[in-house]
């Protein structure tokens, strides 16, 4: 049997498209982006995609030490003159996953590319003194080498702001409020996806 009715039409089917929630995190070095991304993954099932890890992989491929100066240079090599290239590579990975958080967006072009593709932007902030203390603990220095990824980090457009002045972030009230908003958005999108739409021979109606 062809499955068509007496008038030759294909039977109607209910279809629902599940649209994942995708988020990018931006902010200066030491603001707390990685901790926020980790918390989203552990507590809410997001998958983390790190632009910094992509730069680190390139540095390791070239045999470079993975300090901040060489990671910045490795990122420049990967971008190859296209400031949005890393973001495009990250989004391509995210499309193969469910809910995803893209960590380490530092250039305006990266953010604009992701926003144009429906990714929610979150700027992570912390006072300078807090950031420097974290950098000293992490890298042994409270200063960050000058680079476009640092100077533009404070200008990246975002939709929401997360204050990450206190750690651990898992207990920070601001992060919990942010997660609540993201989860609410995800629930809204999924409810819309469950609404039956009829797919006929002439398309969705």
C-alpha atoms as a PDB file:
ATOM      1  CA  UNK A   1       0.000   0.000   0.000  1.00  0.00           C
ATOM      2  CA  UNK A   2       1.143   3.497  -0.753  1.00  0.00           C
ATOM      3  CA  UNK A   3      -0.355   4.954   2.435  1.00  0.00           C
ATOM      4  CA  UNK A   4      -2.302   7.564   0.464  1.00  0.00           C
ATOM      5  CA  UNK A   5      -6.009   8.205   0.932  1.00  0.00           C
ATOM      6  CA  UNK A   6      -8.656   7.938  -1.783  1.00  0.00           C
ATOM      7  CA  UNK A   7      -7.740  11.370  -3.071  1.00  0.00           C
ATOM      8  CA  UNK A   8      -4.076  10.447  -3.373  1.00  0.00           C
ATOM      9  CA  UNK A   9      -2.932  12.541  -0.413  1.00  0.00           C
ATOM     10  CA  UNK A  10      -0.308  11.466   2.102  1.00  0.00           C
ATOM     11  CA  UNK A  11      -1.620  11.000   5.672  1.00  0.00           C
ATOM     12  CA  UNK A  12      -1.090  13.881   8.092  1.00  0.00           C
ATOM     13  CA  UNK A  13       1.616  13.438  10.723  1.00  0.00           C
ATOM     14  CA  UNK A  14       2.286  15.237  13.945  1.00  0.00           C
ATOM     15  CA  UNK A  15       5.739  16.739  14.015  1.00  0.00           C
ATOM     16  CA  UNK A  16       7.653  18.502  16.770  1.00  0.00           C
ATOM     17  CA  UNK A  17      11.083  20.018  16.512  1.00  0.00           C
ATOM     18  CA  UNK A  18      13.060  20.236  19.750  1.00  0.00           C
ATOM     19  CA  UNK A  19      15.171  23.373  19.739  1.00  0.00           C
ATOM     20  CA  UNK A  20      18.070  23.182  22.209  1.00  0.00           C
ATOM     21  CA  UNK A  21      19.053  26.147  24.360  1.00  0.00           C
ATOM     22  CA  UNK A  22      22.482  27.452  23.408  1.00  0.00           C
ATOM     23  CA  UNK A  23      24.372  29.974  25.519  1.00  0.00           C
ATOM     24  CA  UNK A  24      27.706  31.720  25.160  1.00  0.00           C
ATOM     25  CA  UNK A  25      29.719  33.133  28.048  1.00  0.00           C
ATOM     26  CA  UNK A  26      31.858  36.234  27.688  1.00  0.00           C
ATOM     27  CA  UNK A  27      33.880  38.366  30.048  1.00  0.00           C
ATOM     28  CA  UNK A  28      37.453  39.274  30.974  1.00  0.00           C
ATOM     29  CA  UNK A  29      40.033  36.769  32.191  1.00  0.00           C
ATOM     30  CA  UNK A  30      39.346  35.558  35.725  1.00  0.00           C
ATOM     31  CA  UNK A  31      35.692  36.595  35.722  1.00  0.00           C
ATOM     32  CA  UNK A  32      34.478  33.049  36.397  1.00  0.00           C
ATOM     33  CA  UNK A  33      33.280  31.887  32.970  1.00  0.00           C
ATOM     34  CA  UNK A  34      34.620  28.348  33.223  1.00  0.00           C
ATOM     35  CA  UNK A  35      33.124  27.808  36.678  1.00  0.00           C
ATOM     36  CA  UNK A  36      29.757  29.027  35.438  1.00  0.00           C
ATOM     37  CA  UNK A  37      29.950  26.744  32.393  1.00  0.00           C
ATOM     38  CA  UNK A  38      30.914  23.777  34.568  1.00  0.00           C
ATOM     39  CA  UNK A  39      27.959  24.408  36.862  1.00  0.00           C
ATOM     40  CA  UNK A  40      25.548  24.573  33.923  1.00  0.00           C
ATOM     41  CA  UNK A  41      26.887  21.237  32.700  1.00  0.00           C
ATOM     42  CA  UNK A  42      26.850  19.424  36.032  1.00  0.00           C
ATOM     43  CA  UNK A  43      23.534  20.682  37.298  1.00  0.00           C
ATOM     44  CA  UNK A  44      21.475  21.259  34.171  1.00  0.00           C
ATOM     45  CA  UNK A  45      22.769  18.926  31.492  1.00  0.00           C
ATOM     46  CA  UNK A  46      24.469  21.439  29.225  1.00  0.00           C
ATOM     47  CA  UNK A  47      27.531  20.422  27.203  1.00  0.00           C
ATOM     48  CA  UNK A  48      30.518  22.775  27.367  1.00  0.00           C
ATOM     49  CA  UNK A  49      32.369  23.888  24.251  1.00  0.00           C
ATOM     50  CA  UNK A  50      35.439  25.961  25.090  1.00  0.00           C
ATOM     51  CA  UNK A  51      37.051  28.356  22.627  1.00  0.00           C
ATOM     52  CA  UNK A  52      40.061  28.353  24.951  1.00  0.00           C
ATOM     53  CA  UNK A  53      40.371  24.577  24.617  1.00  0.00           C
ATOM     54  CA  UNK A  54      40.276  24.946  20.840  1.00  0.00           C
ATOM     55  CA  UNK A  55      43.182  27.421  21.048  1.00  0.00           C
ATOM     56  CA  UNK A  56      45.006  25.082  23.448  1.00  0.00           C
ATOM     57  CA  UNK A  57      44.655  22.183  21.014  1.00  0.00           C
ATOM     58  CA  UNK A  58      46.218  24.302  18.274  1.00  0.00           C
ATOM     59  CA  UNK A  59      49.089  25.348  20.550  1.00  0.00           C
ATOM     60  CA  UNK A  60      49.753  21.714  21.476  1.00  0.00           C
ATOM     61  CA  UNK A  61      49.651  20.722  17.809  1.00  0.00           C
ATOM     62  CA  UNK A  62      52.344  23.329  17.114  1.00  0.00           C
ATOM     63  CA  UNK A  63      54.408  22.269  20.122  1.00  0.00           C
ATOM     64  CA  UNK A  64      53.949  25.619  21.837  1.00  0.00           C
ATOM     65  CA  UNK A  65      53.783  26.054  25.619  1.00  0.00           C
ATOM     66  CA  UNK A  66      50.203  26.606  26.788  1.00  0.00           C
ATOM     67  CA  UNK A  67      50.713  29.964  28.472  1.00  0.00           C
ATOM     68  CA  UNK A  68      48.375  32.874  27.804  1.00  0.00           C
ATOM     69  CA  UNK A  69      50.602  34.582  25.213  1.00  0.00           C
ATOM     70  CA  UNK A  70      50.916  31.419  23.118  1.00  0.00           C
ATOM     71  CA  UNK A  71      47.219  30.597  23.482  1.00  0.00           C
ATOM     72  CA  UNK A  72      46.368  34.057  22.157  1.00  0.00           C
ATOM     73  CA  UNK A  73      48.717  33.484  19.199  1.00  0.00           C
ATOM     74  CA  UNK A  74      47.233  30.028  18.586  1.00  0.00           C
ATOM     75  CA  UNK A  75      43.762  31.535  18.512  1.00  0.00           C
ATOM     76  CA  UNK A  76      44.918  34.057  15.908  1.00  0.00           C
ATOM     77  CA  UNK A  77      46.230  31.197  13.762  1.00  0.00           C
ATOM     78  CA  UNK A  78      42.948  29.285  13.974  1.00  0.00           C
ATOM     79  CA  UNK A  79      40.940  32.391  13.087  1.00  0.00           C
ATOM     80  CA  UNK A  80      43.143  32.970  10.052  1.00  0.00           C
ATOM     81  CA  UNK A  81      41.945  36.526   9.575  1.00  0.00           C
ATOM     82  CA  UNK A  82      38.265  35.686  10.186  1.00  0.00           C
ATOM     83  CA  UNK A  83      37.399  36.917  13.702  1.00  0.00           C
ATOM     84  CA  UNK A  84      34.212  34.836  13.789  1.00  0.00           C
ATOM     85  CA  UNK A  85      35.805  31.546  12.693  1.00  0.00           C
ATOM     86  CA  UNK A  86      36.249  30.055  16.190  1.00  0.00           C
ATOM     87  CA  UNK A  87      32.639  30.890  17.021  1.00  0.00           C
ATOM     88  CA  UNK A  88      31.458  29.247  13.794  1.00  0.00           C
ATOM     89  CA  UNK A  89      33.455  26.109  14.600  1.00  0.00           C
ATOM     90  CA  UNK A  90      31.988  26.013  18.112  1.00  0.00           C
ATOM     91  CA  UNK A  91      28.440  26.461  16.849  1.00  0.00           C
ATOM     92  CA  UNK A  92      28.926  23.632  14.356  1.00  0.00           C
ATOM     93  CA  UNK A  93      29.840  21.373  17.268  1.00  0.00           C
ATOM     94  CA  UNK A  94      26.914  22.654  19.323  1.00  0.00           C
ATOM     95  CA  UNK A  95      24.473  21.758  16.570  1.00  0.00           C
ATOM     96  CA  UNK A  96      25.406  18.107  17.002  1.00  0.00           C
ATOM     97  CA  UNK A  97      24.619  18.266  20.720  1.00  0.00           C
ATOM     98  CA  UNK A  98      21.657  19.187  22.897  1.00  0.00           C
ATOM     99  CA  UNK A  99      21.756  22.187  25.198  1.00  0.00           C
ATOM    100  CA  UNK A 100      25.230  23.715  24.929  1.00  0.00           C
ATOM    101  CA  UNK A 101      27.265  26.455  26.587  1.00  0.00           C
ATOM    102  CA  UNK A 102      30.058  28.033  24.532  1.00  0.00           C
ATOM    103  CA  UNK A 103      32.703  29.268  26.929  1.00  0.00           C
ATOM    104  CA  UNK A 104      35.245  32.016  26.248  1.00  0.00           C
ATOM    105  CA  UNK A 105      33.674  34.299  23.634  1.00  0.00           C
ATOM    106  CA  UNK A 106      35.948  37.356  23.656  1.00  0.00           C
ATOM    107  CA  UNK A 107      35.519  39.131  20.330  1.00  0.00           C
ATOM    108  CA  UNK A 108      32.587  41.271  19.207  1.00  0.00           C
ATOM    109  CA  UNK A 109      32.508  39.454  15.849  1.00  0.00           C
ATOM    110  CA  UNK A 110      32.224  36.107  17.649  1.00  0.00           C
ATOM    111  CA  UNK A 111      29.284  37.298  19.717  1.00  0.00           C
ATOM    112  CA  UNK A 112      27.522  38.878  16.764  1.00  0.00           C
ATOM    113  CA  UNK A 113      27.863  35.653  14.782  1.00  0.00           C
ATOM    114  CA  UNK A 114      26.422  33.545  17.599  1.00  0.00           C
ATOM    115  CA  UNK A 115      23.591  35.978  18.360  1.00  0.00           C
ATOM    116  CA  UNK A 116      22.658  35.971  14.678  1.00  0.00           C
ATOM    117  CA  UNK A 117      22.197  32.198  15.024  1.00  0.00           C
ATOM    118  CA  UNK A 118      19.984  32.381  18.112  1.00  0.00           C
ATOM    119  CA  UNK A 119      22.592  31.816  20.824  1.00  0.00           C
ATOM    120  CA  UNK A 120      21.900  33.597  24.141  1.00  0.00           C
ATOM    121  CA  UNK A 121      24.751  35.800  25.369  1.00  0.00           C
ATOM    122  CA  UNK A 122      25.753  36.013  29.034  1.00  0.00           C
ATOM    123  CA  UNK A 123      28.466  38.358  30.289  1.00  0.00           C
ATOM    124  CA  UNK A 124      30.238  37.108  33.419  1.00  0.00           C
ATOM    125  CA  UNK A 125      31.561  39.883  35.654  1.00  0.00           C
ATOM    126  CA  UNK A 126      33.690  40.153  38.789  1.00  0.00           C
ATOM    127  CA  UNK A 127      35.529  43.076  40.438  1.00  0.00           C
ATOM    128  CA  UNK A 128      39.085  43.670  39.204  1.00  0.00           C
ATOM    129  CA  UNK A 129      40.575  42.757  42.576  1.00  0.00           C
ATOM    130  CA  UNK A 130      38.732  39.418  42.568  1.00  0.00           C
ATOM    131  CA  UNK A 131      39.772  38.652  38.997  1.00  0.00           C
ATOM    132  CA  UNK A 132      43.438  39.444  39.690  1.00  0.00           C
ATOM    133  CA  UNK A 133      43.425  37.227  42.758  1.00  0.00           C
ATOM    134  CA  UNK A 134      42.018  34.352  40.685  1.00  0.00           C
ATOM    135  CA  UNK A 135      44.603  34.913  37.950  1.00  0.00           C
ATOM    136  CA  UNK A 136      47.444  34.927  40.474  1.00  0.00           C
ATOM    137  CA  UNK A 137      46.200  31.645  41.865  1.00  0.00           C
ATOM    138  CA  UNK A 138      45.745  30.145  38.389  1.00  0.00           C
ATOM    139  CA  UNK A 139      48.633  31.573  36.365  1.00  0.00           C
ATOM    140  CA  UNK A 140      50.976  33.021  38.969  1.00  0.00           C
ATOM    141  CA  UNK A 141      50.343  36.540  37.705  1.00  0.00           C
ATOM    142  CA  UNK A 142      47.494  38.971  38.246  1.00  0.00           C
ATOM    143  CA  UNK A 143      48.050  40.655  34.888  1.00  0.00           C
ATOM    144  CA  UNK A 144      46.887  39.615  31.415  1.00  0.00           C
ATOM    145  CA  UNK A 145      48.988  40.299  28.277  1.00  0.00           C
ATOM    146  CA  UNK A 146      47.420  42.917  26.006  1.00  0.00           C
ATOM    147  CA  UNK A 147      45.517  41.356  23.112  1.00  0.00           C
ATOM    148  CA  UNK A 148      42.336  41.993  21.142  1.00  0.00           C
ATOM    149  CA  UNK A 149      40.636  39.112  22.952  1.00  0.00           C
ATOM    150  CA  UNK A 150      41.144  40.988  26.223  1.00  0.00           C
ATOM    151  CA  UNK A 151      40.385  44.535  25.102  1.00  0.00           C
ATOM    152  CA  UNK A 152      37.198  43.494  23.288  1.00  0.00           C
ATOM    153  CA  UNK A 153      35.970  41.186  26.060  1.00  0.00           C
ATOM    154  CA  UNK A 154      34.286  44.084  27.870  1.00  0.00           C
ATOM    155  CA  UNK A 155      32.548  45.246  24.669  1.00  0.00           C
ATOM    156  CA  UNK A 156      31.009  41.928  23.604  1.00  0.00           C
ATOM    157  CA  UNK A 157      27.209  42.251  23.261  1.00  0.00           C
ATOM    158  CA  UNK A 158      25.188  39.979  25.548  1.00  0.00           C
ATOM    159  CA  UNK A 159      21.594  39.419  26.662  1.00  0.00           C
ATOM    160  CA  UNK A 160      22.148  38.740  30.376  1.00  0.00           C
ATOM    161  CA  UNK A 161      24.753  39.584  33.009  1.00  0.00           C
ATOM    162  CA  UNK A 162      26.026  37.244  35.711  1.00  0.00           C
ATOM    163  CA  UNK A 163      27.848  38.642  38.736  1.00  0.00           C
ATOM    164  CA  UNK A 164      30.431  36.032  39.714  1.00  0.00           C
ATOM    165  CA  UNK A 165      32.165  37.897  42.513  1.00  0.00           C
ATOM    166  CA  UNK A 166      31.861  34.988  44.918  1.00  0.00           C
ATOM    167  CA  UNK A 167      32.909  31.384  44.547  1.00  0.00           C
ATOM    168  CA  UNK A 168      32.020  28.572  44.574  1.00  0.00           C
ATOM    169  CA  UNK A 169      29.557  29.591  41.921  1.00  0.00           C
ATOM    170  CA  UNK A 170      27.299  26.634  42.744  1.00  0.00           C
ATOM    171  CA  UNK A 171      26.131  28.610  45.781  1.00  0.00           C
ATOM    172  CA  UNK A 172      26.009  32.028  44.157  1.00  0.00           C
ATOM    173  CA  UNK A 173      22.494  33.450  44.111  1.00  0.00           C
ATOM    174  CA  UNK A 174      23.061  35.294  40.842  1.00  0.00           C
ATOM    175  CA  UNK A 175      24.042  32.117  39.018  1.00  0.00           C
ATOM    176  CA  UNK A 176      20.979  30.324  40.349  1.00  0.00           C
ATOM    177  CA  UNK A 177      18.791  33.168  39.065  1.00  0.00           C
ATOM    178  CA  UNK A 178      20.491  32.995  35.688  1.00  0.00           C
ATOM    179  CA  UNK A 179      19.983  29.242  35.485  1.00  0.00           C
ATOM    180  CA  UNK A 180      16.325  29.692  36.394  1.00  0.00           C
ATOM    181  CA  UNK A 181      15.897  32.069  33.469  1.00  0.00           C
ATOM    182  CA  UNK A 182      17.675  29.725  31.075  1.00  0.00           C
ATOM    183  CA  UNK A 183      15.680  26.725  32.273  1.00  0.00           C
ATOM    184  CA  UNK A 184      12.451  28.718  31.905  1.00  0.00           C
ATOM    185  CA  UNK A 185      13.433  29.641  28.366  1.00  0.00           C
ATOM    186  CA  UNK A 186      14.243  26.026  27.593  1.00  0.00           C
ATOM    187  CA  UNK A 187      10.879  24.900  29.000  1.00  0.00           C
ATOM    188  CA  UNK A 188       9.046  27.493  26.904  1.00  0.00           C
ATOM    189  CA  UNK A 189      10.798  26.399  23.734  1.00  0.00           C
ATOM    190  CA  UNK A 190      10.117  22.744  24.445  1.00  0.00           C
ATOM    191  CA  UNK A 191       6.446  23.418  25.167  1.00  0.00           C
ATOM    192  CA  UNK A 192       6.195  25.187  21.828  1.00  0.00           C
ATOM    193  CA  UNK A 193       7.929  22.253  20.170  1.00  0.00           C
ATOM    194  CA  UNK A 194       5.382  19.802  21.605  1.00  0.00           C
ATOM    195  CA  UNK A 195       2.483  21.738  20.100  1.00  0.00           C
ATOM    196  CA  UNK A 196       1.281  19.507  17.266  1.00  0.00           C
ATOM    197  CA  UNK A 197       1.679  20.788  13.752  1.00  0.00           C
ATOM    198  CA  UNK A 198       0.252  18.993  10.766  1.00  0.00           C
ATOM    199  CA  UNK A 199       2.644  17.910   8.056  1.00  0.00           C
ATOM    200  CA  UNK A 200       0.792  17.220   4.858  1.00  0.00           C
ATOM    201  CA  UNK A 201       1.812  16.817   1.251  1.00  0.00           C
ATOM    202  CA  UNK A 202       1.719  20.592   0.943  1.00  0.00           C
ATOM    203  CA  UNK A 203       3.957  21.176   3.954  1.00  0.00           C
ATOM    204  CA  UNK A 204       3.444  22.214   7.584  1.00  0.00           C
ATOM    205  CA  UNK A 205       0.260  24.088   8.461  1.00  0.00           C
END
